[in-house]
Amino acid sequence: MNKAEFIKGLEEELELEITLTAETDLKGLDEWDSMAAMLLIGYVSNEFGLTLTADDIKNISTVQSLIERIGVEKFN
């Protein structure tokens, strides 16, 4: 999976009406709430086998910081 595919999948998972970019502030989204955080955790777990913690969610601000937490090397 490349970054563009990941971002598109994230848009679909969170049912967003906007286009995300690497610089998008996830917590600034109108749709961001505890359910969105849970959907994000599930999406990352399903796609990468990585379980994000509550601390991870607190520390992730942008799509790019999420990608860095997952590991840039996991994207082709």
Protein backbone atom coordinates (compact mmCIF):
# COMPACT_ATOMS: atom_id res chain seq x y z
CA MET A 1 0.00 0.00 0.00
CA ASN A 2 1.32 3.43 -0.82
CA LYS A 3 0.59 6.63 1.09
CA ALA A 4 -2.08 7.81 -1.35
CA GLU A 5 -3.96 4.49 -1.06
CA PHE A 6 -3.69 4.66 2.74
CA ILE A 7 -5.04 8.21 2.84
CA LYS A 8 -7.92 7.31 0.49
CA GLY A 9 -8.76 4.30 2.67
CA LEU A 10 -8.65 6.50 5.76
CA GLU A 11 -11.09 8.94 4.14
CA GLU A 12 -13.45 6.05 3.41
CA GLU A 13 -13.07 4.48 6.85
CA LEU A 14 -13.87 7.77 8.58
CA GLU A 15 -16.63 8.53 6.04
CA LEU A 16 -15.14 11.94 5.29
CA GLU A 17 -16.56 14.29 2.69
CA ILE A 18 -13.20 16.05 2.31
CA THR A 19 -9.90 15.03 0.78
CA LEU A 20 -7.14 14.42 3.30
CA THR A 21 -3.54 15.43 2.77
CA ALA A 22 -0.43 14.59 4.77
CA GLU A 23 -0.78 17.96 6.50
CA THR A 24 -4.44 17.52 7.51
CA ASP A 25 -4.97 17.99 11.25
CA LEU A 26 -7.02 14.93 12.14
CA LYS A 27 -8.25 16.34 15.44
CA GLY A 28 -9.37 19.50 13.67
CA LEU A 29 -11.85 17.57 11.53
CA ASP A 30 -15.53 18.15 12.32
CA GLU A 31 -15.94 14.36 12.22
CA TRP A 32 -13.19 13.71 14.78
CA ASP A 33 -14.55 12.16 17.97
CA SER A 34 -13.97 9.04 20.05
CA MET A 35 -15.69 6.88 17.42
CA ALA A 36 -13.39 8.24 14.71
CA ALA A 37 -10.41 7.41 16.93
CA MET A 38 -11.68 3.84 17.32
CA LEU A 39 -12.22 3.54 13.56
CA LEU A 40 -8.68 4.81 13.02
CA ILE A 41 -7.28 2.25 15.47
CA GLY A 42 -9.19 -0.56 13.72
CA TYR A 43 -8.13 0.57 10.25
CA VAL A 44 -4.45 0.71 11.17
CA SER A 45 -4.69 -2.65 12.94
CA ASN A 46 -6.34 -4.33 9.94
CA GLU A 47 -3.99 -2.85 7.35
CA PHE A 48 -0.68 -3.00 9.24
CA GLY A 49 -1.13 -5.31 12.23
CA LEU A 50 -0.23 -2.41 14.53
CA THR A 51 -2.30 -1.59 17.58
CA LEU A 52 -2.32 2.12 18.31
CA THR A 53 -2.54 3.04 21.98
CA ALA A 54 -4.38 5.91 23.65
CA ASP A 55 -1.02 7.69 23.93
CA ASP A 56 -0.46 7.20 20.20
CA ILE A 57 -3.82 8.80 19.46
CA LYS A 58 -2.99 11.72 21.76
CA ASN A 59 0.37 12.24 20.06
CA ILE A 60 -0.82 11.90 16.47
CA SER A 61 -1.96 15.22 15.05
CA THR A 62 -1.62 15.07 11.28
CA VAL A 63 -1.96 12.34 8.70
CA GLN A 64 1.83 12.52 8.26
CA SER A 65 2.41 11.95 11.98
CA LEU A 66 0.12 8.90 11.73
CA ILE A 67 2.16 7.60 8.79
CA GLU A 68 5.36 8.15 10.77
CA ARG A 69 3.91 6.27 13.76
CA ILE A 70 2.97 3.34 11.53
CA GLY A 71 6.41 3.44 9.95
CA VAL A 72 7.25 5.17 6.69
CA GLU A 73 9.05 2.03 5.53
CA LYS A 74 5.73 0.12 5.48
CA PHE A 75 4.51 2.23 2.56
CA ASN A 76 5.76 1.55 -0.94
